[in-house]
Amino acid sequence: MLKDFLAFLNQYNVVWLAIWLLIGVKVGELVKSLIDNLVTPLILNPILTKLKVKEMSDLSYKWILYGKVLSSLIDFIVVALIVFFVVRYLNINVK
């Protein structure tokens, strides 16, 4: 049973998948931190100050929290750009 399990892990590269998953999670956290602590204060701080809001996620109109959506959209765009540049740098042929 243990041999079968080890063969399964080896055959499907489960360990490498777990490692890449952990790296992906950490890259996501890094991008989130960059957006929240670098991009937002530098670029959007004048706008947020004018709107009398401390964080982008606090932006809302009545009950609609559009600030959280904008923050997630910026995170997505940055992650997509990072993935694009990594794939291009490694010259991976994606079809």
N, C-alpha and C. Protein backbone atom coordinates (compact mmCIF):
# COMPACT_ATOMS: atom_id res chain seq x y z
N MET A 1 0.83 -1.20 0.00
CA MET A 1 0.00 0.00 0.00
C MET A 1 0.87 1.26 0.00
N LEU A 2 1.91 1.26 0.82
CA LEU A 2 2.81 2.40 0.88
C LEU A 2 3.56 2.56 -0.45
N LYS A 3 3.95 1.44 -1.04
CA LYS A 3 4.63 1.48 -2.34
C LYS A 3 3.73 2.08 -3.42
N ASP A 4 2.48 1.68 -3.40
CA ASP A 4 1.51 2.22 -4.37
C ASP A 4 1.34 3.72 -4.19
N PHE A 5 1.27 4.15 -2.94
CA PHE A 5 1.11 5.57 -2.65
C PHE A 5 2.32 6.35 -3.13
N LEU A 6 3.52 5.87 -2.85
CA LEU A 6 4.74 6.54 -3.30
C LEU A 6 4.84 6.55 -4.83
N ALA A 7 4.40 5.47 -5.47
CA ALA A 7 4.38 5.43 -6.93
C ALA A 7 3.40 6.46 -7.49
N PHE A 8 2.26 6.60 -6.83
CA PHE A 8 1.27 7.61 -7.23
C PHE A 8 1.87 9.01 -7.13
N LEU A 9 2.51 9.30 -6.00
CA LEU A 9 3.13 10.62 -5.82
C LEU A 9 4.17 10.89 -6.90
N ASN A 10 4.95 9.87 -7.21
CA ASN A 10 6.00 10.02 -8.21
C ASN A 10 5.43 10.15 -9.62
N GLN A 11 4.45 9.36 -9.93
CA GLN A 11 3.88 9.34 -11.28
C GLN A 11 3.21 10.66 -11.63
N TYR A 12 2.47 11.22 -10.69
CA TYR A 12 1.71 12.43 -10.98
C TYR A 12 2.39 13.70 -10.47
N ASN A 13 3.63 13.60 -10.04
CA ASN A 13 4.40 14.76 -9.57
C ASN A 13 3.63 15.59 -8.54
N VAL A 14 3.03 14.92 -7.60
CA VAL A 14 2.21 15.59 -6.60
C VAL A 14 3.06 16.50 -5.72
N VAL A 15 4.27 16.10 -5.42
CA VAL A 15 5.13 16.92 -4.58
C VAL A 15 5.47 18.24 -5.29
N TRP A 16 5.82 18.15 -6.58
CA TRP A 16 6.12 19.37 -7.33
C TRP A 16 4.88 20.27 -7.44
N LEU A 17 3.74 19.65 -7.61
CA LEU A 17 2.49 20.42 -7.67
C LEU A 17 2.27 21.18 -6.37
N ALA A 18 2.51 20.51 -5.25
CA ALA A 18 2.34 21.16 -3.95
C ALA A 18 3.33 22.32 -3.78
N ILE A 19 4.56 22.10 -4.22
CA ILE A 19 5.57 23.16 -4.12
C ILE A 19 5.16 24.37 -4.95
N TRP A 20 4.73 24.14 -6.20
CA TRP A 20 4.31 25.25 -7.06
C TRP A 20 3.06 25.95 -6.53
N LEU A 21 2.19 25.18 -5.89
CA LEU A 21 1.01 25.77 -5.28
C LEU A 21 1.40 26.72 -4.15
N LEU A 22 2.32 26.27 -3.32
CA LEU A 22 2.79 27.13 -2.23
C LEU A 22 3.48 28.39 -2.76
N ILE A 23 4.28 28.22 -3.80
CA ILE A 23 4.94 29.38 -4.40
C ILE A 23 3.90 30.34 -4.99
N GLY A 24 2.88 29.78 -5.63
CA GLY A 24 1.82 30.62 -6.19
C GLY A 24 1.07 31.40 -5.12
N VAL A 25 0.82 30.76 -3.99
CA VAL A 25 0.13 31.45 -2.89
C VAL A 25 0.99 32.59 -2.38
N LYS A 26 2.28 32.34 -2.22
CA LYS A 26 3.18 33.38 -1.72
C LYS A 26 3.33 34.53 -2.72
N VAL A 27 3.36 34.22 -4.01
CA VAL A 27 3.41 35.29 -5.02
C VAL A 27 2.13 36.12 -4.95
N GLY A 28 1.00 35.46 -4.76
CA GLY A 28 -0.26 36.19 -4.60
C GLY A 28 -0.23 37.12 -3.41
N GLU A 29 0.31 36.65 -2.29
CA GLU A 29 0.43 37.49 -1.09
C GLU A 29 1.37 38.67 -1.35
N LEU A 30 2.46 38.40 -2.07
CA LEU A 30 3.40 39.47 -2.39
C LEU A 30 2.75 40.53 -3.26
N VAL A 31 2.01 40.11 -4.27
CA VAL A 31 1.33 41.06 -5.15
C VAL A 31 0.30 41.86 -4.37
N LYS A 32 -0.46 41.20 -3.52
CA LYS A 32 -1.45 41.88 -2.69
C LYS A 32 -0.78 42.94 -1.82
N SER A 33 0.35 42.58 -1.23
CA SER A 33 1.08 43.53 -0.40
C SER A 33 1.62 44.70 -1.23
N LEU A 34 2.13 44.40 -2.41
CA LEU A 34 2.62 45.48 -3.29
C LEU A 34 1.51 46.45 -3.65
N ILE A 35 0.35 45.90 -3.97
CA ILE A 35 -0.78 46.76 -4.33
C ILE A 35 -1.24 47.59 -3.14
N ASP A 36 -1.44 46.91 -2.00
CA ASP A 36 -1.99 47.60 -0.82
C ASP A 36 -1.01 48.58 -0.20
N ASN A 37 0.29 48.25 -0.22
CA ASN A 37 1.25 49.05 0.52
C ASN A 37 2.16 49.92 -0.34
N LEU A 38 2.16 49.71 -1.65
CA LEU A 38 3.04 50.50 -2.51
C LEU A 38 2.26 51.25 -3.59
N VAL A 39 1.53 50.50 -4.41
CA VAL A 39 0.84 51.13 -5.55
C VAL A 39 -0.28 52.05 -5.07
N THR A 40 -1.11 51.55 -4.18
CA THR A 40 -2.25 52.36 -3.72
C THR A 40 -1.79 53.65 -3.03
N PRO A 41 -0.85 53.57 -2.08
CA PRO A 41 -0.43 54.84 -1.46
C PRO A 41 0.25 55.80 -2.42
N LEU A 42 1.07 55.29 -3.34
CA LEU A 42 1.80 56.19 -4.24
C LEU A 42 0.92 56.80 -5.32
N ILE A 43 0.11 55.98 -5.95
CA ILE A 43 -0.66 56.44 -7.11
C ILE A 43 -2.05 56.93 -6.72
N LEU A 44 -2.72 56.17 -5.88
CA LEU A 44 -4.13 56.49 -5.59
C LEU A 44 -4.34 57.30 -4.32
N ASN A 45 -3.28 57.60 -3.57
CA ASN A 45 -3.45 58.31 -2.30
C ASN A 45 -4.10 59.68 -2.48
N PRO A 46 -3.73 60.48 -3.49
CA PRO A 46 -4.42 61.77 -3.65
C PRO A 46 -5.92 61.62 -3.89
N ILE A 47 -6.29 60.63 -4.67
CA ILE A 47 -7.71 60.40 -4.94
C ILE A 47 -8.44 59.94 -3.68
N LEU A 48 -7.81 59.00 -2.96
CA LEU A 48 -8.44 58.49 -1.73
C LEU A 48 -8.55 59.59 -0.68
N THR A 49 -7.56 60.46 -0.59
CA THR A 49 -7.61 61.56 0.37
C THR A 49 -8.75 62.52 0.01
N LYS A 50 -8.91 62.78 -1.27
CA LYS A 50 -9.99 63.66 -1.71
C LYS A 50 -11.36 63.06 -1.39
N LEU A 51 -11.45 61.71 -1.50
CA LEU A 51 -12.72 61.03 -1.20
C LEU A 51 -12.89 60.76 0.29
N LYS A 52 -11.89 61.16 1.10
CA LYS A 52 -11.92 60.98 2.56
C LYS A 52 -12.03 59.51 2.93
N VAL A 53 -11.21 58.69 2.29
CA VAL A 53 -11.18 57.25 2.53
C VAL A 53 -9.73 56.85 2.81
N LYS A 54 -9.54 55.97 3.80
CA LYS A 54 -8.17 55.54 4.14
C LYS A 54 -7.66 54.43 3.23
N GLU A 55 -8.50 53.47 2.88
CA GLU A 55 -8.11 52.35 2.03
C GLU A 55 -9.05 52.23 0.85
N MET A 56 -8.54 51.65 -0.23
CA MET A 56 -9.36 51.50 -1.42
C MET A 56 -10.56 50.58 -1.16
N SER A 57 -10.37 49.57 -0.32
CA SER A 57 -11.46 48.64 -0.05
C SER A 57 -12.62 49.30 0.71
N ASP A 58 -12.39 50.49 1.25
CA ASP A 58 -13.47 51.21 1.95
C ASP A 58 -14.36 52.01 1.01
N LEU A 59 -13.97 52.11 -0.26
CA LEU A 59 -14.80 52.85 -1.22
C LEU A 59 -16.13 52.13 -1.41
N SER A 60 -17.20 52.88 -1.31
CA SER A 60 -18.52 52.27 -1.49
C SER A 60 -19.53 53.34 -1.91
N TYR A 61 -20.57 52.84 -2.52
CA TYR A 61 -21.71 53.67 -2.84
C TYR A 61 -22.92 52.96 -2.28
N LYS A 62 -23.50 53.54 -1.26
CA LYS A 62 -24.58 52.92 -0.50
C LYS A 62 -24.09 51.58 0.02
N TRP A 63 -24.59 50.48 -0.45
CA TRP A 63 -24.17 49.16 0.07
C TRP A 63 -23.22 48.44 -0.89
N ILE A 64 -22.88 49.07 -2.00
CA ILE A 64 -22.03 48.44 -3.00
C ILE A 64 -20.56 48.78 -2.70
N LEU A 65 -19.77 47.77 -2.39
CA LEU A 65 -18.36 47.97 -2.05
C LEU A 65 -17.49 47.85 -3.30
N TYR A 66 -17.53 48.85 -4.14
CA TYR A 66 -16.78 48.79 -5.39
C TYR A 66 -15.28 48.93 -5.17
N GLY A 67 -14.85 49.40 -4.03
CA GLY A 67 -13.43 49.51 -3.74
C GLY A 67 -12.76 48.14 -3.66
N LYS A 68 -13.46 47.18 -3.10
CA LYS A 68 -12.91 45.82 -3.02
C LYS A 68 -12.79 45.21 -4.42
N VAL A 69 -13.75 45.50 -5.27
CA VAL A 69 -13.70 44.99 -6.65
C VAL A 69 -12.53 45.63 -7.40
N LEU A 70 -12.34 46.94 -7.24
CA LEU A 70 -11.21 47.61 -7.88
C LEU A 70 -9.88 47.05 -7.39
N SER A 71 -9.78 46.82 -6.10
CA SER A 71 -8.56 46.26 -5.52
C SER A 71 -8.28 44.87 -6.08
N SER A 72 -9.31 44.04 -6.18
CA SER A 72 -9.15 42.70 -6.74
C SER A 72 -8.79 42.76 -8.22
N LEU A 73 -9.36 43.71 -8.94
CA LEU A 73 -9.05 43.87 -10.35
C LEU A 73 -7.58 44.26 -10.56
N ILE A 74 -7.09 45.17 -9.75
CA ILE A 74 -5.69 45.56 -9.84
C ILE A 74 -4.79 44.37 -9.50
N ASP A 75 -5.13 43.61 -8.46
CA ASP A 75 -4.37 42.40 -8.11
C ASP A 75 -4.34 41.43 -9.29
N PHE A 76 -5.47 41.20 -9.91
CA PHE A 76 -5.55 40.27 -11.04
C PHE A 76 -4.67 40.73 -12.19
N ILE A 77 -4.73 42.00 -12.51
CA ILE A 77 -3.94 42.53 -13.63
C ILE A 77 -2.45 42.38 -13.36
N VAL A 78 -2.03 42.66 -12.14
CA VAL A 78 -0.61 42.54 -11.80
C VAL A 78 -0.17 41.08 -11.86
N VAL A 79 -0.97 40.17 -11.31
CA VAL A 79 -0.63 38.74 -11.37
C VAL A 79 -0.60 38.26 -12.82
N ALA A 80 -1.55 38.67 -13.62
CA ALA A 80 -1.57 38.28 -15.03
C ALA A 80 -0.32 38.78 -15.76
N LEU A 81 0.10 40.00 -15.46
CA LEU A 81 1.32 40.53 -16.07
C LEU A 81 2.55 39.75 -15.64
N ILE A 82 2.61 39.40 -14.37
CA ILE A 82 3.74 38.61 -13.86
C ILE A 82 3.78 37.25 -14.55
N VAL A 83 2.64 36.59 -14.65
CA VAL A 83 2.58 35.29 -15.33
C VAL A 83 2.99 35.45 -16.79
N PHE A 84 2.52 36.48 -17.45
CA PHE A 84 2.87 36.73 -18.84
C PHE A 84 4.38 36.88 -19.01
N PHE A 85 5.00 37.70 -18.15
CA PHE A 85 6.43 37.92 -18.26
C PHE A 85 7.24 36.67 -17.92
N VAL A 86 6.78 35.89 -16.95
CA VAL A 86 7.49 34.64 -16.61
C VAL A 86 7.40 33.67 -17.77
N VAL A 87 6.22 33.51 -18.35
CA VAL A 87 6.05 32.60 -19.48
C VAL A 87 6.89 33.08 -20.67
N ARG A 88 6.90 34.36 -20.90
CA ARG A 88 7.68 34.90 -22.01
C ARG A 88 9.17 34.74 -21.77
N TYR A 89 9.61 34.98 -20.53
CA TYR A 89 11.02 34.84 -20.19
C TYR A 89 11.49 33.40 -20.32
N LEU A 90 10.66 32.47 -19.85
CA LEU A 90 11.03 31.06 -19.93
C LEU A 90 10.79 30.49 -21.33
N ASN A 91 10.20 31.31 -22.20
CA ASN A 91 9.92 30.92 -23.58
C ASN A 91 9.05 29.65 -23.64
N ILE A 92 8.03 29.63 -22.82
CA ILE A 92 7.10 28.51 -22.79
C ILE A 92 6.07 28.72 -23.90
N ASN A 93 5.86 27.70 -24.71
CA ASN A 93 4.92 27.78 -25.82
C ASN A 93 3.54 27.37 -25.32
N VAL A 94 2.64 28.33 -25.11
CA VAL A 94 1.29 28.07 -24.62
C VAL A 94 0.33 28.13 -25.78
N LYS A 95 -0.46 27.09 -25.94
CA LYS A 95 -1.45 27.07 -27.03
C LYS A 95 -2.83 26.89 -26.50
